[in-house]
Protein backbone atom coordinates (compact mmCIF):
# COMPACT_ATOMS: atom_id res chain seq x y z
CA MET A 1 0.16 0.29 0.09
CA THR A 2 2.98 2.26 0.26
CA ASP A 3 2.96 2.96 -3.35
CA HIS A 4 -0.07 5.15 -3.65
CA PRO A 5 0.62 8.90 -3.95
CA ILE A 6 -1.35 9.81 -1.22
CA SER A 7 0.72 10.45 2.56
CA MET A 8 -0.71 8.80 5.03
CA PRO A 9 -1.52 10.32 8.52
CA SER A 10 0.94 9.45 10.99
CA PRO A 11 0.07 7.15 13.88
CA GLU A 12 -0.31 10.26 16.66
CA LEU A 13 -2.63 12.16 14.24
CA ALA A 14 -4.57 9.06 13.71
CA ALA A 15 -4.72 8.23 17.60
CA LYS A 16 -5.82 11.40 18.27
CA TRP A 17 -8.62 11.50 15.61
CA VAL A 18 -9.89 7.95 17.59
CA HIS A 19 -9.78 9.60 20.78
CA GLU A 20 -11.89 12.89 19.15
CA ILE A 21 -14.59 10.08 17.88
CA TYR A 22 -14.63 7.59 21.09
CA GLY A 23 -13.91 10.31 23.58
CA ASN A 24 -11.82 8.60 27.13
CA THR A 25 -14.17 6.13 27.81
CA VAL A 26 -13.11 3.70 24.80
CA VAL A 27 -9.42 2.70 24.16
CA ILE A 28 -8.99 0.77 20.76
CA PRO A 29 -5.17 0.41 19.68
CA LEU A 30 -4.55 1.18 16.84
CA GLN A 31 -3.06 -1.73 15.60
CA LYS A 32 -2.29 -2.75 11.87
CA PRO A 33 -6.04 -2.99 11.03
CA THR A 34 -7.08 0.07 12.27
CA LEU A 35 -4.28 1.92 10.48
CA GLN A 36 -5.24 -0.10 7.07
CA VAL A 37 -8.70 1.16 7.79
CA ILE A 38 -7.41 5.19 8.33
CA GLU A 39 -5.44 4.39 5.11
CA HIS A 40 -8.18 3.37 3.11
CA ALA A 41 -10.20 6.46 4.02
CA VAL A 42 -7.83 8.85 3.23
CA ARG A 43 -7.25 7.42 0.27
CA TRP A 44 -11.06 7.52 -0.66
CA GLY A 45 -11.43 10.87 0.37
CA ALA A 46 -8.46 12.17 -1.81
CA ASP A 47 -9.41 10.18 -4.80
CA GLN A 48 -12.96 11.60 -4.70
CA GLU A 49 -11.52 15.08 -4.41
CA LEU A 50 -9.07 14.83 -7.11
CA GLU A 51 -11.71 13.58 -9.58
CA ALA A 52 -14.16 16.28 -8.06
CA CYS A 53 -11.24 18.76 -9.68
CA LEU A 54 -10.94 16.64 -12.57
CA CYS A 55 -14.78 16.62 -13.64
CA GLU A 56 -14.26 20.59 -13.16
CA VAL A 57 -11.57 20.91 -15.58
CA SER A 58 -13.41 18.72 -18.14
CA PHE A 59 -16.32 20.89 -18.20
CA LEU A 60 -13.81 23.49 -19.19
CA HIS A 61 -13.33 21.30 -22.33
CA SER A 62 -9.59 20.17 -21.17
CA GLN A 63 -10.33 16.46 -20.96
CA ALA A 64 -6.94 15.76 -22.15
CA LEU A 65 -5.81 17.86 -19.42
CA ALA A 66 -7.66 16.10 -16.83
CA ASP A 67 -6.98 12.31 -17.92
CA ARG A 68 -3.22 13.60 -17.72
CA VAL A 69 -3.17 14.72 -14.29
CA ARG A 70 -5.39 11.62 -13.12
CA GLU A 71 -2.53 9.46 -14.50
CA LYS A 72 0.17 11.66 -13.07
CA ARG A 73 -1.33 11.70 -9.75
CA ARG A 74 -3.01 8.32 -9.27
CA ARG A 75 -0.78 6.48 -11.43
CA GLN A 76 -2.00 2.47 -11.60
CA GLN A 77 0.75 -0.35 -10.92
CA PRO A 78 1.65 -2.22 -14.29
CA SER A 79 0.40 -5.21 -15.03
CA LEU A 80 1.61 -8.52 -14.90
CA LYS A 81 1.83 -8.72 -18.60
CA GLU A 82 3.70 -5.13 -18.44
CA LYS A 83 5.99 -6.60 -16.00
CA ALA A 84 7.21 -9.45 -17.94
CA LEU A 85 7.08 -7.66 -21.22
CA LYS A 86 9.46 -5.17 -19.30
CA GLY A 87 11.84 -8.17 -17.67
CA LEU A 88 11.57 -9.67 -21.19
CA ALA A 89 13.10 -6.58 -23.07
CA ASN A 90 15.67 -6.19 -19.95
CA MET A 91 16.72 -10.12 -20.17
CA VAL A 92 17.91 -9.44 -24.10
CA GLU A 93 19.56 -6.11 -23.80
CA ARG A 94 21.80 -7.49 -21.02
CA GLY A 95 22.48 -10.24 -23.64
CA HIS A 96 20.81 -12.89 -20.86
CA LEU A 97 17.92 -14.22 -23.74
CA ALA A 98 18.51 -14.81 -27.32
CA SER A 99 16.59 -12.40 -29.43
CA ASP A 100 14.61 -15.02 -31.21
CA LEU A 101 13.54 -16.87 -28.28
CA ALA A 102 12.57 -13.32 -26.48
CA ALA A 103 10.39 -12.68 -29.92
CA ASP A 104 9.05 -15.90 -29.35
CA LEU A 105 8.06 -14.94 -25.45
CA ARG A 106 6.99 -11.58 -26.50
CA ALA A 107 4.46 -13.21 -29.10
CA LEU A 108 2.88 -15.09 -26.55
CA LEU A 109 2.68 -12.53 -23.83
CA GLU A 110 1.02 -10.54 -26.35
CA GLN A 111 -1.70 -12.88 -26.52
CA VAL A 112 -2.44 -12.54 -22.84
CA ASP A 113 -5.45 -10.40 -21.55
CA ASP A 114 -3.83 -7.45 -19.84
CA GLU A 115 -5.59 -7.31 -16.25
C-alpha cells in the first residue's frame, strides 16, 4: 500500500482522531487493521477530491488535461503482463536471452489479456 501517492497520517494523528471520536471512555489500540482502515479512508477521500477537481477541468473542455493529471496523480501499478514484457526486454538488452526466443515469448505474452 505504500506505492500510493497519498501520504498517510502519522500514527499520532490517527490516535488523536480515534480519541476525538470515541472520547476518553473507549481505548482502541491502533493496530495494523485499524491503520489500514484509516489509510483506505484517506485514499478514498483524496480520490474523491481529485475526481471532483478533474470533473471541473473537463467541463472547461480540457479532458486531455484531466486525463494527464489523473495519470500523474494516481499512476496505476503495471500489470503482470507489462512487468513480464519489460523483464523480457531487459534480459535481451543484457544478453541473457537470445532475441529469437525473446520474440517468441513476447508474441506469447501479447496474446495474454492484460488485467
